[in-house]
Amino acid sequence: MLKIGIIGAGTVGSALAIKLVENGYQVVAVSGRTFASAEKLAGAIKGCRAYNNQQVADTADIVFITTPDAVIPQITAGLQWHKGQNVIHCSGADSTEILEPARQMGAHTGAFHPLQSFAGVKQAISNLPGSTIAIEAEDPLLTILKEMAGKLNCRWIELKAGDKVIYHAAAVIASNYLVTLVKLADDLWETFGIPREQATQALLPLLKGTLNNIENAGIPQALTGPIDRGDTETVKKHITTLQKEAPDVLSAYCELGLQTIPIAQAKGKIDEEKAAELRAVLKTGAKRKTSENNLDKITQSSS
């Protein structure tokens, strides 16, 4: 059985190591930013030892580098690798090019990125099954990583080096910016006196219902709301009220509305005439915020 090593005992490395062991793989060596973090992870895995980075590279047949993206090139270049070894990073945005020093020493290089939000080790372990793994590699490592994704109960997609950044940007929009959207919604609830925590709890069933609709009906059928209905008057009311109560949210509201119009058209609920009407209203709303910002700058410069 191939021996696996983990360089980076943080959330991703810890969750990946534990799930690999649960699914029959042998994780024998781990290192971390501190030796204590490596010892903590090693202590949770039978037959695993805490080492420094070079000892992990010397011990394992497959080495996962699960450190923050910015230090992967430095770590890779600073270690000695051996011919036939498999070196894999877990960055979403970077290609295998950052592992070039290992490849030049004869190692096979790959990328293995779980398309999932890892807020903590427990959440990561729970969330990983059913996720999609983005893989970049060449055979024989490509086949190994595809099989590994399957044993982790994950789907996989194969990416080329040039696909990585746009793939990762999509993940940021779908995951990170969803958090931002909920925060903006919470802010609006605070304007009428509802605390943030209560607002989040009230909005969660709506979020879950929307995700359920996306899963079961797909896009564009999952779309609901005033733009889906072509309800221009409600959109106007939103813009007027946001300009007064939450002007910092107005530009985001208008831009998201403009991006929503083609979805409503694809669903067949609005025609081009209604779409044009909605676009005009939303563009006018966005200009209100821009004009207000320009006025503020003029006022500040003259004071």
Protein backbone atom coordinates (compact mmCIF):
# COMPACT_ATOMS: atom_id res chain seq x y z
CA MET A 1 0.00 0.00 0.00
CA LEU A 2 1.26 3.48 -0.87
CA LYS A 3 2.35 5.50 2.16
CA ILE A 4 0.80 8.96 2.39
CA GLY A 5 2.30 12.05 4.01
CA ILE A 6 0.68 15.39 4.80
CA ILE A 7 2.61 18.68 4.92
CA GLY A 8 0.27 21.13 6.62
CA ALA A 9 -1.69 20.01 9.69
CA GLY A 10 -4.38 22.67 9.46
CA THR A 11 -8.05 22.25 8.65
CA VAL A 12 -7.71 20.85 5.13
CA GLY A 13 -4.74 18.62 5.91
CA SER A 14 -6.30 17.24 9.08
CA ALA A 15 -9.67 16.52 7.48
CA LEU A 16 -8.09 14.95 4.40
CA ALA A 17 -5.79 12.76 6.49
CA ILE A 18 -8.60 11.50 8.72
CA LYS A 19 -10.95 10.80 5.81
CA LEU A 20 -8.22 8.98 3.87
CA VAL A 21 -7.53 6.72 6.85
CA GLU A 22 -11.26 6.09 7.31
CA ASN A 23 -11.39 4.89 3.71
CA GLY A 24 -8.50 2.46 3.88
CA TYR A 25 -5.45 4.59 3.09
CA GLN A 26 -2.26 4.61 5.14
CA VAL A 27 -1.21 8.05 6.38
CA VAL A 28 2.20 7.57 7.99
CA ALA A 29 3.75 11.03 8.30
CA VAL A 30 2.53 14.57 8.98
CA SER A 31 4.17 17.93 9.54
CA GLY A 32 2.72 21.30 10.45
CA ARG A 33 3.48 24.95 10.96
CA THR A 34 4.35 23.91 14.51
CA PHE A 35 5.48 20.51 15.72
CA ALA A 36 2.62 20.58 18.25
CA SER A 37 0.01 20.79 15.46
CA ALA A 38 1.67 17.86 13.68
CA GLU A 39 1.72 15.83 16.91
CA LYS A 40 -1.98 16.55 17.47
CA LEU A 41 -2.91 15.22 14.02
CA ALA A 42 -0.54 12.25 14.23
CA GLY A 43 -2.03 11.33 17.59
CA ALA A 44 -5.45 10.96 15.95
CA ILE A 45 -4.16 8.48 13.35
CA LYS A 46 -2.89 5.00 14.19
CA GLY A 47 0.62 4.36 12.87
CA CYS A 48 1.24 8.01 11.98
CA ARG A 49 4.18 10.08 13.21
CA ALA A 50 4.88 13.79 13.43
CA TYR A 51 7.93 14.91 11.45
CA ASN A 52 9.46 17.96 9.86
CA ASN A 53 8.71 18.68 6.20
CA GLN A 54 11.78 16.94 4.80
CA GLN A 55 11.14 13.82 6.87
CA VAL A 56 7.62 13.64 5.44
CA ALA A 57 9.05 13.93 1.92
CA ASP A 58 11.59 11.21 2.72
CA THR A 59 9.00 8.84 4.21
CA ALA A 60 5.92 9.00 1.99
CA ASP A 61 5.16 7.79 -1.53
CA ILE A 62 2.34 10.34 -1.88
CA VAL A 63 2.78 13.74 -0.27
CA PHE A 64 -0.10 16.22 0.01
CA ILE A 65 0.93 19.84 0.59
CA THR A 66 -2.07 21.37 2.36
CA THR A 67 -0.49 24.60 3.53
CA PRO A 68 -1.80 28.08 2.61
CA ASP A 69 -1.40 28.65 -1.12
CA ALA A 70 1.18 31.40 -0.78
CA VAL A 71 3.81 29.14 0.81
CA ILE A 72 3.41 26.06 -1.42
CA PRO A 73 6.09 27.16 -3.92
CA GLN A 74 8.55 27.92 -1.11
CA ILE A 75 7.96 24.58 0.59
CA THR A 76 8.23 22.66 -2.67
CA ALA A 77 11.47 24.34 -3.69
CA GLY A 78 13.01 23.87 -0.26
CA LEU A 79 12.71 20.07 -0.12
CA GLN A 80 14.48 17.16 -1.74
CA TRP A 81 12.14 14.87 -3.67
CA HIS A 82 12.86 11.50 -5.24
CA LYS A 83 12.10 10.04 -8.63
CA GLY A 84 8.67 8.43 -8.94
CA GLN A 85 7.30 10.13 -5.84
CA ASN A 86 3.87 11.76 -6.03
CA VAL A 87 3.60 15.38 -4.86
CA ILE A 88 0.15 16.99 -4.74
CA HIS A 89 -1.07 20.38 -3.58
CA CYS A 90 -4.63 21.27 -2.55
CA SER A 91 -4.83 24.83 -3.88
CA GLY A 92 -7.94 25.78 -5.81
CA ALA A 93 -6.48 28.62 -7.87
CA ASP A 94 -2.94 27.38 -8.56
CA SER A 95 -1.93 24.83 -11.18
CA THR A 96 0.72 22.16 -10.78
CA GLU A 97 3.25 24.63 -12.16
CA ILE A 98 4.02 25.71 -8.59
CA LEU A 99 5.30 22.17 -7.97
CA GLU A 100 7.84 22.45 -10.79
CA PRO A 101 10.91 21.95 -8.50
CA ALA A 102 9.53 18.55 -7.46
CA ARG A 103 8.82 17.60 -11.09
CA GLN A 104 12.36 18.51 -12.07
CA MET A 105 13.63 16.08 -9.44
CA GLY A 106 11.59 13.28 -11.02
CA ALA A 107 8.41 13.39 -8.98
CA HIS A 108 4.90 13.16 -10.45
CA THR A 109 2.93 16.30 -9.60
CA GLY A 110 -0.79 16.92 -9.21
CA ALA A 111 -3.50 19.11 -7.71
CA PHE A 112 -6.38 17.77 -5.63
CA HIS A 113 -8.83 20.48 -4.55
CA PRO A 114 -11.99 19.62 -2.62
CA LEU A 115 -14.74 21.98 -3.76
CA GLN A 116 -16.06 22.52 -0.27
CA SER A 117 -16.14 25.08 2.54
CA PHE A 118 -13.89 24.01 5.40
CA ALA A 119 -14.80 26.25 8.36
CA GLY A 120 -13.20 23.84 10.84
CA VAL A 121 -11.92 20.26 11.00
CA LYS A 122 -15.21 18.74 12.24
CA GLN A 123 -17.20 20.61 9.59
CA ALA A 124 -14.69 19.63 6.91
CA ILE A 125 -14.87 15.95 7.80
CA SER A 126 -18.66 16.11 7.73
CA ASN A 127 -18.89 18.15 4.50
CA LEU A 128 -16.32 16.32 2.37
CA PRO A 129 -18.37 13.23 1.33
CA GLY A 130 -20.45 14.06 -1.72
CA SER A 131 -18.24 16.99 -2.68
CA THR A 132 -16.48 17.36 -6.01
CA ILE A 133 -12.69 17.13 -6.23
CA ALA A 134 -10.95 19.17 -8.94
CA ILE A 135 -7.97 17.16 -10.18
CA GLU A 136 -5.04 18.25 -12.30
CA ALA A 137 -2.44 15.57 -13.05
CA GLU A 138 -1.10 13.18 -15.66
CA ASP A 139 -1.11 9.40 -15.49
CA PRO A 140 -0.22 7.39 -13.53
CA LEU A 141 -0.96 9.93 -10.78
CA LEU A 142 -4.20 11.05 -12.47
CA THR A 143 -5.67 7.55 -12.13
CA ILE A 144 -4.55 7.34 -8.49
CA LEU A 145 -6.25 10.63 -7.62
CA LYS A 146 -9.47 9.75 -9.43
CA GLU A 147 -9.64 6.48 -7.51
CA MET A 148 -8.90 8.32 -4.27
CA ALA A 149 -11.75 10.79 -4.90
CA GLY A 150 -14.11 7.88 -5.46
CA LYS A 151 -13.08 6.16 -2.23
CA LEU A 152 -13.68 9.41 -0.37
CA ASN A 153 -17.26 9.26 -1.71
CA CYS A 154 -16.61 12.34 -3.84
CA ARG A 155 -17.20 13.17 -7.47
CA TRP A 156 -14.24 14.43 -9.51
CA ILE A 157 -13.59 16.72 -12.44
CA GLU A 158 -10.37 16.97 -14.40
CA LEU A 159 -8.96 20.44 -14.99
CA LYS A 160 -6.15 21.82 -17.12
CA ALA A 161 -3.68 24.37 -15.76
CA GLY A 162 -5.43 27.24 -17.53
CA ASP A 163 -8.79 26.33 -15.93
CA LYS A 164 -7.79 26.74 -12.31
CA VAL A 165 -8.22 30.47 -11.69
CA ILE A 166 -11.68 30.77 -13.29
CA TYR A 167 -12.73 27.55 -11.52
CA HIS A 168 -11.66 29.03 -8.20
CA ALA A 169 -13.35 32.37 -8.90
CA ALA A 170 -16.60 30.47 -9.45
CA ALA A 171 -16.15 28.75 -6.10
CA VAL A 172 -15.59 32.08 -4.36
CA ILE A 173 -18.78 33.51 -5.87
CA ALA A 174 -20.87 30.48 -4.92
CA SER A 175 -19.50 30.00 -1.39
CA ASN A 176 -17.66 33.02 0.03
CA TYR A 177 -19.95 35.62 -1.48
CA LEU A 178 -23.02 33.75 -0.27
CA VAL A 179 -21.78 34.58 3.23
CA THR A 180 -21.46 38.21 2.15
CA LEU A 181 -25.01 38.24 0.78
CA VAL A 182 -26.41 36.89 4.03
CA LYS A 183 -24.43 39.54 5.92
CA LEU A 184 -25.96 42.26 3.72
CA ALA A 185 -29.43 40.83 4.33
CA ASP A 186 -28.75 40.74 8.07
CA ASP A 187 -27.70 44.39 7.92
CA LEU A 188 -31.04 45.30 6.37
CA TRP A 189 -32.95 43.47 9.11
CA GLU A 190 -31.02 45.49 11.69
CA THR A 191 -32.53 48.69 10.20
CA PHE A 192 -35.91 47.60 11.57
CA GLY A 193 -34.59 46.44 14.89
CA ILE A 194 -34.00 42.70 14.43
CA PRO A 195 -30.62 41.53 15.83
CA ARG A 196 -28.19 39.87 13.42
CA GLU A 197 -28.37 36.42 15.00
CA GLN A 198 -32.16 36.41 14.83
CA ALA A 199 -32.06 37.65 11.23
CA THR A 200 -29.72 34.84 10.21
CA GLN A 201 -31.94 32.21 11.83
CA ALA A 202 -34.99 33.66 10.08
CA LEU A 203 -33.26 33.70 6.69
CA LEU A 204 -31.73 30.21 6.91
CA PRO A 205 -34.93 28.32 5.94
CA LEU A 206 -35.24 30.63 2.92
CA LEU A 207 -31.63 29.91 1.96
CA LYS A 208 -32.11 26.17 2.39
CA GLY A 209 -35.33 26.27 0.39
CA THR A 210 -33.57 28.09 -2.44
CA LEU A 211 -30.72 25.57 -2.46
CA ASN A 212 -33.29 22.77 -2.48
CA ASN A 213 -35.00 24.38 -5.46
CA ILE A 214 -31.67 24.70 -7.30
CA GLU A 215 -30.89 21.04 -6.59
CA ASN A 216 -34.28 19.70 -7.62
CA ALA A 217 -35.56 22.18 -10.23
CA GLY A 218 -32.27 23.59 -11.49
CA ILE A 219 -31.52 27.00 -12.97
CA PRO A 220 -33.46 28.89 -14.30
CA GLN A 221 -36.55 27.18 -12.83
CA ALA A 222 -35.41 27.79 -9.23
CA LEU A 223 -35.61 31.56 -9.66
CA THR A 224 -38.43 33.37 -7.84
CA GLY A 225 -39.06 36.95 -6.78
CA PRO A 226 -39.88 40.32 -8.38
CA ILE A 227 -37.51 40.07 -11.34
CA ASP A 228 -38.80 36.60 -12.13
CA ARG A 229 -42.31 38.08 -12.12
CA GLY A 230 -41.36 41.22 -14.00
CA ASP A 231 -42.54 43.27 -11.02
CA THR A 232 -40.92 46.59 -11.88
CA GLU A 233 -42.83 48.55 -9.25
CA THR A 234 -41.50 46.42 -6.41
CA VAL A 235 -37.95 46.78 -7.71
CA LYS A 236 -38.44 50.57 -7.78
CA LYS A 237 -39.63 50.49 -4.17
CA HIS A 238 -36.56 48.49 -3.18
CA ILE A 239 -34.24 50.98 -4.86
CA THR A 240 -35.92 54.01 -3.30
CA THR A 241 -35.86 52.50 0.19
CA LEU A 242 -32.29 51.19 -0.10
CA GLN A 243 -31.08 54.60 -1.22
CA LYS A 244 -32.55 56.05 1.97
CA GLU A 245 -31.91 53.27 4.51
CA ALA A 246 -28.87 51.36 3.20
CA PRO A 247 -27.16 53.23 0.35
CA ASP A 248 -24.05 51.07 0.58
CA VAL A 249 -26.13 48.05 -0.44
CA LEU A 250 -27.78 49.74 -3.43
CA SER A 251 -25.07 49.13 -6.03
CA ALA A 252 -24.85 45.44 -5.11
CA TYR A 253 -28.65 45.09 -5.29
CA CYS A 254 -28.78 46.70 -8.74
CA GLU A 255 -25.86 44.73 -10.17
CA LEU A 256 -27.27 41.43 -8.90
CA GLY A 257 -30.65 42.39 -10.33
CA LEU A 258 -29.13 43.05 -13.75
CA GLN A 259 -27.45 39.63 -13.64
CA THR A 260 -30.79 38.06 -12.69
CA ILE A 261 -32.74 39.39 -15.69
CA PRO A 262 -31.29 36.85 -18.19
CA ILE A 263 -32.21 34.03 -15.80
CA ALA A 264 -35.82 35.23 -15.70
CA GLN A 265 -35.81 35.44 -19.50
CA ALA A 266 -34.43 31.91 -19.78
CA LYS A 267 -37.22 30.72 -17.50
CA GLY A 268 -39.72 32.30 -19.89
CA LYS A 269 -41.45 34.48 -17.31
CA ILE A 270 -40.56 37.86 -18.86
CA ASP A 271 -40.20 39.02 -22.46
CA GLU A 272 -37.59 41.39 -23.88
CA GLU A 273 -39.80 44.45 -23.38
CA LYS A 274 -40.17 43.73 -19.67
CA ALA A 275 -36.47 42.86 -19.43
CA ALA A 276 -35.56 46.22 -20.97
CA GLU A 277 -37.82 48.00 -18.49
CA LEU A 278 -36.19 46.23 -15.56
CA ARG A 279 -32.69 46.97 -16.89
CA ALA A 280 -33.52 50.66 -17.17
CA VAL A 281 -34.82 50.80 -13.60
CA LEU A 282 -31.80 48.96 -12.17
CA LYS A 283 -29.25 50.98 -14.15
CA THR A 284 -30.92 54.18 -12.99
CA GLY A 285 -30.75 52.90 -9.40
CA ALA A 286 -27.05 52.13 -9.74
CA LYS A 287 -26.43 55.63 -11.10
CA ARG A 288 -28.15 57.13 -8.06
CA LYS A 289 -25.47 55.60 -5.86
CA THR A 290 -22.68 56.69 -8.21
CA SER A 291 -24.04 60.26 -8.32
CA GLU A 292 -24.31 60.32 -4.54
CA ASN A 293 -20.68 59.20 -4.19
CA ASN A 294 -19.53 61.89 -6.64
CA LEU A 295 -21.48 64.53 -4.71
CA ASP A 296 -19.86 63.42 -1.46
CA LYS A 297 -16.40 63.75 -3.03
CA ILE A 298 -17.18 67.25 -4.31
CA THR A 299 -18.54 68.28 -0.91
CA GLN A 300 -15.49 66.90 0.92
CA SER A 301 -13.01 68.56 -1.44
CA SER A 302 -14.66 71.97 -1.02
CA SER A 303 -14.89 71.81 2.77
